[in-house]
Amino acid sequence: MKITREEVARIADLARLELKEEKVEKFAFQFSDIIGYMDKMNSLDTSGVEPLYSPSENRSVMREDKAKKDYRRKDLLSSAPDHDEEYLIVPKIL
């Protein structure tokens, strides 16, 4: 599929880009190459190929997500600039 200069200019306009004429020509050629390559890829018979999520093994190296209490409220509030013995007090923001 050949991408025309007019199509490139329209795409640039939609993207609010100002392109010089030599760039429009260059992009038209590059877009045509990319679309041609995609057409070639689409013409391949992949009916016997299973979908591949990733070529590498995916293992989670993160720890299990479990709720646990590491600190006491009193210890956390002791370093807060303002609190009411139960909650942090912060400035009101509107």
C-alpha atoms as a PDB file:
ATOM      1  CA  MET A   1       0.000   0.000   0.000  1.00  0.00           C
ATOM      2  CA  LYS A   2       1.422   3.344  -0.997  1.00  0.00           C
ATOM      3  CA  ILE A   3       0.961   6.280   1.360  1.00  0.00           C
ATOM      4  CA  THR A   4       0.614   9.554  -0.505  1.00  0.00           C
ATOM      5  CA  ARG A   5       2.058  12.928   0.402  1.00  0.00           C
ATOM      6  CA  GLU A   6      -1.491  14.181   0.953  1.00  0.00           C
ATOM      7  CA  GLU A   7      -2.127  11.426   3.511  1.00  0.00           C
ATOM      8  CA  VAL A   8       1.080  12.301   5.356  1.00  0.00           C
ATOM      9  CA  ALA A   9       0.128  15.981   5.334  1.00  0.00           C
ATOM     10  CA  ARG A  10      -3.328  15.085   6.712  1.00  0.00           C
ATOM     11  CA  ILE A  11      -1.800  12.939   9.487  1.00  0.00           C
ATOM     12  CA  ALA A  12       0.619  15.742  10.357  1.00  0.00           C
ATOM     13  CA  ASP A  13      -2.282  18.188  10.437  1.00  0.00           C
ATOM     14  CA  LEU A  14      -4.260  15.935  12.777  1.00  0.00           C
ATOM     15  CA  ALA A  15      -1.196  15.641  15.029  1.00  0.00           C
ATOM     16  CA  ARG A  16      -0.722  19.422  14.805  1.00  0.00           C
ATOM     17  CA  LEU A  17       2.735  19.037  13.317  1.00  0.00           C
ATOM     18  CA  GLU A  18       4.291  21.404  10.820  1.00  0.00           C
ATOM     19  CA  LEU A  19       6.388  19.443   8.345  1.00  0.00           C
ATOM     20  CA  LYS A  20       8.672  20.763   5.649  1.00  0.00           C
ATOM     21  CA  GLU A  21       8.067  19.396   2.142  1.00  0.00           C
ATOM     22  CA  GLU A  22      11.182  17.193   2.190  1.00  0.00           C
ATOM     23  CA  LYS A  23       9.995  15.611   5.461  1.00  0.00           C
ATOM     24  CA  VAL A  24       6.541  14.919   3.995  1.00  0.00           C
ATOM     25  CA  GLU A  25       8.171  13.032   1.111  1.00  0.00           C
ATOM     26  CA  LYS A  26      10.488  11.153   3.465  1.00  0.00           C
ATOM     27  CA  PHE A  27       7.635  10.142   5.794  1.00  0.00           C
ATOM     28  CA  ALA A  28       5.449   9.054   2.863  1.00  0.00           C
ATOM     29  CA  PHE A  29       8.232   6.713   1.758  1.00  0.00           C
ATOM     30  CA  GLN A  30       8.840   5.416   5.303  1.00  0.00           C
ATOM     31  CA  PHE A  31       5.122   4.892   6.022  1.00  0.00           C
ATOM     32  CA  SER A  32       4.762   2.994   2.744  1.00  0.00           C
ATOM     33  CA  ASP A  33       7.693   0.746   3.709  1.00  0.00           C
ATOM     34  CA  ILE A  34       6.199   0.062   7.138  1.00  0.00           C
ATOM     35  CA  ILE A  35       2.738  -0.707   5.733  1.00  0.00           C
ATOM     36  CA  GLY A  36       4.337  -2.927   3.073  1.00  0.00           C
ATOM     37  CA  TYR A  37       6.209  -4.861   5.740  1.00  0.00           C
ATOM     38  CA  MET A  38       3.000  -5.296   7.757  1.00  0.00           C
ATOM     39  CA  ASP A  39       1.231  -6.566   4.615  1.00  0.00           C
ATOM     40  CA  LYS A  40       4.030  -9.074   4.108  1.00  0.00           C
ATOM     41  CA  MET A  41       3.713 -10.243   7.738  1.00  0.00           C
ATOM     42  CA  ASN A  42      -0.072 -10.555   7.386  1.00  0.00           C
ATOM     43  CA  SER A  43       0.323 -12.763   4.310  1.00  0.00           C
ATOM     44  CA  LEU A  44       2.228 -15.433   6.266  1.00  0.00           C
ATOM     45  CA  ASP A  45       0.352 -18.603   7.234  1.00  0.00           C
ATOM     46  CA  THR A  46       0.470 -18.749  11.037  1.00  0.00           C
ATOM     47  CA  SER A  47      -2.419 -21.187  11.495  1.00  0.00           C
ATOM     48  CA  GLY A  48      -0.138 -23.857  13.019  1.00  0.00           C
ATOM     49  CA  VAL A  49       1.742 -21.471  15.306  1.00  0.00           C
ATOM     50  CA  GLU A  50       0.636 -21.172  18.900  1.00  0.00           C
ATOM     51  CA  PRO A  51       0.419 -17.642  20.316  1.00  0.00           C
ATOM     52  CA  LEU A  52       3.472 -16.637  22.317  1.00  0.00           C
ATOM     53  CA  TYR A  53       3.101 -14.421  25.349  1.00  0.00           C
ATOM     54  CA  SER A  54       6.791 -14.034  26.051  1.00  0.00           C
ATOM     55  CA  PRO A  55       9.952 -15.834  24.944  1.00  0.00           C
ATOM     56  CA  SER A  56      11.235 -15.918  28.516  1.00  0.00           C
ATOM     57  CA  GLU A  57       9.872 -17.569  31.615  1.00  0.00           C
ATOM     58  CA  ASN A  58       7.872 -15.141  33.709  1.00  0.00           C
ATOM     59  CA  ARG A  59       8.254 -15.695  37.417  1.00  0.00           C
ATOM     60  CA  SER A  60       7.216 -13.254  40.062  1.00  0.00           C
ATOM     61  CA  VAL A  61      10.130 -12.296  42.253  1.00  0.00           C
ATOM     62  CA  MET A  62       7.914 -10.265  44.534  1.00  0.00           C
ATOM     63  CA  ARG A  63       6.915 -11.407  47.960  1.00  0.00           C
ATOM     64  CA  GLU A  64       3.428 -12.655  48.653  1.00  0.00           C
ATOM     65  CA  ASP A  65       1.050  -9.797  49.376  1.00  0.00           C
ATOM     66  CA  LYS A  66      -0.125 -10.298  52.954  1.00  0.00           C
ATOM     67  CA  ALA A  67      -1.462  -7.696  55.326  1.00  0.00           C
ATOM     68  CA  LYS A  68       0.617  -7.433  58.472  1.00  0.00           C
ATOM     69  CA  LYS A  69       1.045  -4.907  61.211  1.00  0.00           C
ATOM     70  CA  ASP A  70       4.691  -3.862  61.519  1.00  0.00           C
ATOM     71  CA  TYR A  71       4.241  -0.675  63.519  1.00  0.00           C
ATOM     72  CA  ARG A  72       2.062   0.502  66.344  1.00  0.00           C
ATOM     73  CA  ARG A  73      -0.138   3.572  65.772  1.00  0.00           C
ATOM     74  CA  LYS A  74       1.512   5.328  68.718  1.00  0.00           C
ATOM     75  CA  ASP A  75       4.978   4.919  67.166  1.00  0.00           C
ATOM     76  CA  LEU A  76       3.842   6.263  63.793  1.00  0.00           C
ATOM     77  CA  LEU A  77       1.998   9.233  65.271  1.00  0.00           C
ATOM     78  CA  SER A  78       4.966  10.158  67.446  1.00  0.00           C
ATOM     79  CA  SER A  79       6.859  11.397  64.366  1.00  0.00           C
ATOM     80  CA  ALA A  80       3.887  13.276  62.867  1.00  0.00           C
ATOM     81  CA  PRO A  81       3.903  17.085  63.161  1.00  0.00           C
ATOM     82  CA  ASP A  82       0.232  17.198  64.202  1.00  0.00           C
ATOM     83  CA  HIS A  83      -2.138  14.463  65.377  1.00  0.00           C
ATOM     84  CA  ASP A  84      -5.013  13.866  67.774  1.00  0.00           C
ATOM     85  CA  GLU A  85      -3.773  10.579  69.306  1.00  0.00           C
ATOM     86  CA  GLU A  86      -5.664   8.599  66.652  1.00  0.00           C
ATOM     87  CA  TYR A  87      -5.300  10.337  63.274  1.00  0.00           C
ATOM     88  CA  LEU A  88      -2.856  12.605  61.445  1.00  0.00           C
ATOM     89  CA  ILE A  89      -4.046  16.198  61.162  1.00  0.00           C
ATOM     90  CA  VAL A  90      -3.274  17.856  57.843  1.00  0.00           C
ATOM     91  CA  PRO A  91      -4.177  21.255  56.398  1.00  0.00           C
ATOM     92  CA  LYS A  92      -7.470  21.435  54.538  1.00  0.00           C
ATOM     93  CA  ILE A  93      -6.963  21.713  50.784  1.00  0.00           C
ATOM     94  CA  LEU A  94      -9.726  22.840  48.440  1.00  0.00           C
END
